[in-house]
Amino acid sequence: MKETKKIQIITDSTTSLSKSECEEMGLDIVETSYMLDQELHSAFDEENVSLEEFYKKLDSVKSCSTGCVNVQTFEDIFDKYASQGIQVLYTGLSSALSSTFSNSEIAARNINEKYGKKLVAVVDSGSASYGALTIIDTAKELISEGKTLEEIETKLNEVVNNISVAFVARDLSFLYKSGRISMLEASLGKLLHIVPIIYVSDDARKLKVGDKCLGSKLALKTLKNKFVNFIKSKNHTKCYITSCALESDVENLKQYIIENTNIKEIKTGLIDKTLACCCGPKTIAIFCC
């Protein structure tokens, strides 16, 4: 029988989990940051301001941007556990969206070199929000089975490549404000009422614009049909949905999937502040694995 080793999972605030949820799940967390009209905030600033209130506030800002987690912050939190002989697994925001992951790779390499053995493993989620949560949930299952850090890392990279991820951002101005698309793309989208569905590519490392729908209703209908097909063709068993408080759309999407696939339980939640600055306050995202 394999010896079960203590492994600490660390994530970042773009998993759209609150501090209390992380504590309940036994996770440690690093905070990303965001800037609204040149004012810098950490991810859990203004905890008295609800996410719903924050989404409304976003509509009035002239500029917004996001900041990554630096190497030193990662080294500090990794070393907190490695210095006690506790192995660490980190997963969080996709390398396609931020330099946060590459900074975690540098920090992991430095800590492993410091102790002369592999104590830290990092896995690129290829996603964000509850997409990273799918990886965390799988990691927790593997840890409970007594898998080694190396076995978990290998398995999670396989899982990442089978995740289906897409999001619909109805207000393209935020993708422009956060530097994800050009002003021309945002302006044309608004003028023509185009609502794109943005997918993560099959290698789970790059974003690509897929369907370009005329209006949000068609976008939601297209998203529903595409994901029912993904779930069936890829034999997905888990589904997660997050949004910027678009309750009716979330319920619509959730019920359609439950009625048309074998998935009967779907976890839903709200998109965190940092990601909301990237995609805007009228966004819905879906993740299946």
Protein backbone atom coordinates (compact mmCIF):
# COMPACT_ATOMS: atom_id res chain seq x y z
CA MET A 1 0.00 0.00 0.00
CA LYS A 2 1.33 3.44 -0.94
CA GLU A 3 2.21 5.84 1.81
CA THR A 4 -0.10 8.83 1.70
CA LYS A 5 1.93 12.03 1.73
CA LYS A 6 0.67 15.42 2.73
CA ILE A 7 0.15 17.61 -0.32
CA GLN A 8 -1.03 21.19 -0.04
CA ILE A 9 -3.04 22.62 -2.93
CA ILE A 10 -2.51 26.31 -3.67
CA THR A 11 -4.51 28.36 -6.14
CA ASP A 12 -5.07 32.02 -6.96
CA SER A 13 -8.06 34.30 -6.62
CA THR A 14 -9.11 33.92 -10.26
CA THR A 15 -10.64 30.53 -9.44
CA SER A 16 -13.65 32.63 -8.36
CA LEU A 17 -13.60 31.10 -4.88
CA SER A 18 -14.00 33.27 -1.78
CA LYS A 19 -11.56 33.15 1.12
CA SER A 20 -14.05 31.20 3.19
CA GLU A 21 -14.61 28.66 0.40
CA CYS A 22 -10.85 28.15 0.11
CA GLU A 23 -10.59 27.61 3.85
CA GLU A 24 -13.42 25.07 3.78
CA MET A 25 -11.68 23.18 0.95
CA GLY A 26 -8.28 23.29 2.67
CA LEU A 27 -6.74 25.47 -0.05
CA ASP A 28 -4.17 28.21 0.33
CA ILE A 29 -4.50 31.15 -2.03
CA VAL A 30 -2.50 33.98 -3.59
CA GLU A 31 -4.22 37.19 -4.64
CA THR A 32 -4.16 38.68 -8.09
CA SER A 33 -4.76 42.42 -8.51
CA TYR A 34 -6.73 44.77 -10.70
CA MET A 35 -6.73 48.48 -11.47
CA LEU A 36 -9.83 50.64 -11.97
CA ASP A 37 -9.23 54.14 -13.34
CA GLN A 38 -5.58 53.98 -12.21
CA GLU A 39 -6.49 52.85 -8.67
CA LEU A 40 -4.85 49.57 -7.64
CA HIS A 41 -6.77 46.88 -5.73
CA SER A 42 -5.94 43.38 -4.55
CA ALA A 43 -8.46 40.67 -5.35
CA PHE A 44 -10.08 40.61 -1.92
CA ASP A 45 -10.15 44.38 -1.33
CA GLU A 46 -13.46 45.87 -0.29
CA GLU A 47 -14.91 42.57 0.91
CA ASN A 48 -17.92 44.53 2.11
CA VAL A 49 -18.72 45.30 -1.55
CA SER A 50 -20.67 42.41 -3.06
CA LEU A 51 -19.77 41.02 -6.45
CA GLU A 52 -23.13 42.20 -7.79
CA GLU A 53 -22.30 45.76 -6.67
CA PHE A 54 -18.83 45.44 -8.18
CA TYR A 55 -20.24 44.42 -11.57
CA LYS A 56 -22.41 47.57 -11.58
CA LYS A 57 -19.38 49.68 -10.67
CA LEU A 58 -17.47 48.29 -13.66
CA ASP A 59 -19.98 49.82 -16.05
CA SER A 60 -18.88 53.32 -15.02
CA VAL A 61 -15.06 52.95 -15.20
CA LYS A 62 -13.05 54.44 -18.05
CA SER A 63 -10.16 52.00 -17.80
CA CYS A 64 -9.39 48.70 -16.13
CA SER A 65 -6.49 46.30 -16.13
CA THR A 66 -5.27 43.29 -14.19
CA GLY A 67 -1.99 42.38 -12.51
CA CYS A 68 -0.23 39.04 -12.16
CA VAL A 69 1.18 37.31 -9.07
CA ASN A 70 4.94 37.85 -8.99
CA VAL A 71 7.68 35.24 -8.52
CA GLN A 72 8.54 36.30 -4.96
CA THR A 73 4.96 35.93 -3.78
CA PHE A 74 4.90 32.40 -5.16
CA GLU A 75 8.27 31.55 -3.63
CA ASP A 76 7.10 32.75 -0.22
CA ILE A 77 3.92 30.68 -0.19
CA PHE A 78 5.60 27.60 -1.69
CA ASP A 79 8.41 27.77 0.84
CA LYS A 80 5.94 28.06 3.73
CA TYR A 81 5.08 24.43 3.08
CA ALA A 82 8.27 23.11 1.46
CA SER A 83 10.31 24.19 4.51
CA GLN A 84 8.17 21.77 6.53
CA GLY A 85 8.62 18.94 4.04
CA ILE A 86 5.07 19.36 2.75
CA GLN A 87 4.66 18.96 -1.00
CA VAL A 88 2.79 21.65 -2.94
CA LEU A 89 0.54 21.57 -5.98
CA TYR A 90 -0.39 24.88 -7.60
CA THR A 91 -2.96 25.50 -10.32
CA GLY A 92 -4.80 28.68 -11.21
CA LEU A 93 -5.07 31.15 -14.05
CA SER A 94 -4.17 29.89 -17.53
CA SER A 95 -0.81 30.78 -19.06
CA ALA A 96 -2.82 32.04 -22.07
CA LEU A 97 -4.36 34.79 -19.96
CA SER A 98 -1.57 36.00 -17.69
CA SER A 99 2.11 35.68 -16.81
CA THR A 100 1.00 34.47 -13.36
CA PHE A 101 1.52 30.84 -14.34
CA SER A 102 4.99 31.37 -15.80
CA ASN A 103 5.94 33.13 -12.57
CA SER A 104 4.72 30.10 -10.61
CA GLU A 105 6.93 27.87 -12.78
CA ILE A 106 10.00 29.97 -11.99
CA ALA A 107 9.20 29.96 -8.27
CA ALA A 108 8.61 26.19 -8.26
CA ARG A 109 11.94 25.58 -9.97
CA ASN A 110 13.71 27.81 -7.46
CA ILE A 111 12.16 26.07 -4.45
CA ASN A 112 12.86 22.60 -5.83
CA GLU A 113 16.49 23.58 -6.46
CA LYS A 114 16.73 25.03 -2.95
CA TYR A 115 15.77 21.72 -1.33
CA GLY A 116 17.37 19.45 -3.92
CA LYS A 117 14.17 17.52 -4.62
CA LYS A 118 10.74 18.02 -6.12
CA LEU A 119 8.48 19.51 -3.49
CA VAL A 120 6.45 21.80 -5.77
CA ALA A 121 4.51 20.95 -8.93
CA VAL A 122 2.55 23.46 -11.00
CA VAL A 123 -0.20 22.60 -13.49
CA ASP A 124 -1.45 25.01 -16.13
CA SER A 125 -5.25 24.86 -15.89
CA GLY A 126 -5.58 26.20 -19.43
CA SER A 127 -8.57 28.05 -18.03
CA ALA A 128 -9.80 30.34 -15.25
CA SER A 129 -12.64 30.65 -12.76
CA TYR A 130 -14.33 27.28 -12.19
CA GLY A 131 -12.24 25.82 -15.00
CA ALA A 132 -9.36 25.80 -12.52
CA LEU A 133 -11.76 24.44 -9.91
CA THR A 134 -12.30 21.34 -12.07
CA ILE A 135 -8.55 20.70 -11.75
CA ILE A 136 -8.59 21.33 -8.01
CA ASP A 137 -11.52 18.96 -7.45
CA THR A 138 -9.74 16.25 -9.43
CA ALA A 139 -6.50 16.86 -7.51
CA LYS A 140 -8.31 16.48 -4.19
CA GLU A 141 -9.75 13.15 -5.35
CA LEU A 142 -6.29 11.92 -6.38
CA ILE A 143 -4.75 13.02 -3.09
CA SER A 144 -7.44 11.13 -1.18
CA GLU A 145 -6.51 8.03 -3.23
CA GLY A 146 -2.93 8.34 -2.04
CA LYS A 147 -1.41 9.25 -5.40
CA THR A 148 2.08 10.75 -5.41
CA LEU A 149 2.74 14.35 -6.46
CA GLU A 150 4.27 13.13 -9.74
CA GLU A 151 1.27 10.89 -10.48
CA ILE A 152 -1.14 13.72 -9.71
CA GLU A 153 0.75 16.16 -11.94
CA THR A 154 0.69 13.69 -14.84
CA LYS A 155 -3.00 12.92 -14.45
CA LEU A 156 -4.01 16.56 -14.15
CA ASN A 157 -2.22 17.46 -17.37
CA GLU A 158 -4.25 14.73 -19.08
CA VAL A 159 -7.46 16.13 -17.57
CA VAL A 160 -6.62 19.67 -18.69
CA ASN A 161 -6.43 18.54 -22.30
CA ASN A 162 -9.95 17.10 -22.11
CA ILE A 163 -11.70 20.08 -20.53
CA SER A 164 -14.25 21.95 -22.64
CA VAL A 165 -14.26 25.68 -21.87
CA ALA A 166 -16.10 28.64 -23.38
CA PHE A 167 -17.31 32.04 -22.33
CA VAL A 168 -19.62 34.63 -23.79
CA ALA A 169 -18.71 38.27 -23.19
CA ARG A 170 -21.55 40.54 -24.26
CA ASP A 171 -19.66 43.79 -23.76
CA LEU A 172 -16.48 43.67 -25.82
CA SER A 173 -15.29 47.02 -24.48
CA PHE A 174 -13.85 45.28 -21.42
CA LEU A 175 -11.79 42.89 -23.50
CA TYR A 176 -10.47 46.04 -25.17
CA LYS A 177 -9.90 47.91 -21.87
CA SER A 178 -7.97 44.97 -20.47
CA GLY A 179 -5.86 44.65 -23.64
CA ARG A 180 -7.32 41.34 -24.90
CA ILE A 181 -8.68 42.70 -28.21
CA SER A 182 -8.15 45.82 -30.32
CA MET A 183 -10.32 48.94 -30.30
CA LEU A 184 -11.38 48.14 -33.88
CA GLU A 185 -12.58 44.65 -32.91
CA ALA A 186 -14.52 46.02 -29.94
CA SER A 187 -16.07 48.84 -31.99
CA LEU A 188 -17.11 46.57 -34.85
CA GLY A 189 -18.58 44.06 -32.42
CA LYS A 190 -20.68 46.75 -30.76
CA LEU A 191 -21.76 48.28 -34.06
CA LEU A 192 -22.83 44.95 -35.56
CA HIS A 193 -24.24 43.56 -32.28
CA ILE A 194 -21.82 40.65 -32.50
CA VAL A 195 -21.52 38.47 -29.39
CA PRO A 196 -18.60 36.05 -29.78
CA ILE A 197 -18.23 32.70 -28.06
CA ILE A 198 -14.61 32.33 -27.02
CA TYR A 199 -13.25 28.82 -26.60
CA VAL A 200 -10.08 27.33 -25.19
CA SER A 201 -8.32 25.43 -27.97
CA ASP A 202 -7.97 21.64 -27.85
CA ASP A 203 -4.47 21.83 -26.37
CA ALA A 204 -6.02 23.91 -23.54
CA ARG A 205 -3.38 26.60 -23.79
CA LYS A 206 -4.80 29.20 -26.20
CA LEU A 207 -7.98 31.21 -26.55
CA LYS A 208 -9.79 31.36 -29.87
CA VAL A 209 -12.90 33.13 -31.05
CA GLY A 210 -15.31 30.52 -32.32
CA ASP A 211 -18.89 31.41 -33.16
CA LYS A 212 -19.75 35.06 -33.84
CA CYS A 213 -23.41 35.41 -33.02
CA LEU A 214 -25.81 38.23 -33.77
CA GLY A 215 -27.11 39.02 -30.31
CA SER A 216 -26.90 37.42 -26.88
CA LYS A 217 -29.93 35.14 -27.33
CA LEU A 218 -28.38 33.40 -30.31
CA ALA A 219 -25.05 33.20 -28.48
CA LEU A 220 -26.65 31.45 -25.50
CA LYS A 221 -28.57 29.06 -27.77
CA THR A 222 -25.39 28.22 -29.68
CA LEU A 223 -23.47 27.72 -26.42
CA LYS A 224 -26.13 25.31 -25.11
CA ASN A 225 -26.12 23.17 -28.23
CA LYS A 226 -22.34 23.11 -28.55
CA PHE A 227 -21.84 21.99 -24.95
CA VAL A 228 -24.44 19.26 -25.08
CA ASN A 229 -22.47 17.88 -28.04
CA PHE A 230 -19.15 18.31 -26.20
CA ILE A 231 -20.48 16.50 -23.13
CA LYS A 232 -21.71 13.57 -25.18
CA SER A 233 -18.73 13.27 -27.55
CA LYS A 234 -16.07 13.69 -24.82
CA ASN A 235 -17.94 11.73 -22.14
CA HIS A 236 -17.79 14.61 -19.68
CA THR A 237 -19.18 13.85 -16.23
CA LYS A 238 -18.84 17.22 -14.49
CA CYS A 239 -20.09 20.69 -15.37
CA TYR A 240 -19.51 24.10 -13.80
CA ILE A 241 -20.98 27.50 -14.74
CA THR A 242 -19.98 30.98 -13.59
CA SER A 243 -21.32 34.40 -14.55
CA CYS A 244 -21.48 38.05 -13.58
CA ALA A 245 -24.86 37.62 -11.84
CA LEU A 246 -26.74 36.57 -15.00
CA GLU A 247 -29.09 34.34 -13.01
CA SER A 248 -31.70 33.65 -15.70
CA ASP A 249 -29.09 32.77 -18.33
CA VAL A 250 -27.28 30.50 -15.90
CA GLU A 251 -30.50 28.69 -14.98
CA ASN A 252 -31.44 28.38 -18.66
CA LEU A 253 -28.08 26.87 -19.55
CA LYS A 254 -28.03 24.63 -16.48
CA GLN A 255 -31.49 23.17 -17.08
CA TYR A 256 -30.82 22.56 -20.77
CA ILE A 257 -27.70 20.54 -19.98
CA ILE A 258 -29.44 18.56 -17.22
CA GLU A 259 -32.35 17.74 -19.53
CA ASN A 260 -30.19 16.73 -22.49
CA THR A 261 -27.18 14.95 -20.97
CA ASN A 262 -26.33 12.49 -18.19
CA ILE A 263 -24.98 15.31 -16.00
CA LYS A 264 -27.52 16.01 -13.25
CA GLU A 265 -25.56 18.21 -10.84
CA ILE A 266 -23.95 21.49 -11.93
CA LYS A 267 -22.02 23.81 -9.66
CA THR A 268 -22.66 27.50 -10.31
CA GLY A 269 -21.04 30.65 -8.96
CA LEU A 270 -20.02 34.25 -9.58
CA ILE A 271 -16.99 35.42 -11.51
CA ASP A 272 -14.35 37.06 -9.31
CA LYS A 273 -13.36 40.72 -9.53
CA THR A 274 -10.10 40.25 -11.41
CA LEU A 275 -11.65 38.18 -14.19
CA ALA A 276 -14.66 40.49 -14.35
CA CYS A 277 -12.25 43.32 -15.18
CA CYS A 278 -11.01 41.27 -18.14
CA CYS A 279 -14.30 40.10 -19.60
CA GLY A 280 -16.82 42.64 -18.34
CA PRO A 281 -19.93 42.49 -16.18
CA LYS A 282 -22.11 40.72 -18.76
CA THR A 283 -20.23 37.45 -19.05
CA ILE A 284 -21.20 33.78 -18.65
CA ALA A 285 -18.71 30.90 -18.72
CA ILE A 286 -19.04 27.12 -18.80
CA PHE A 287 -16.51 24.38 -18.00
CA CYS A 288 -16.97 20.62 -18.48
CA CYS A 289 -14.65 17.69 -17.84
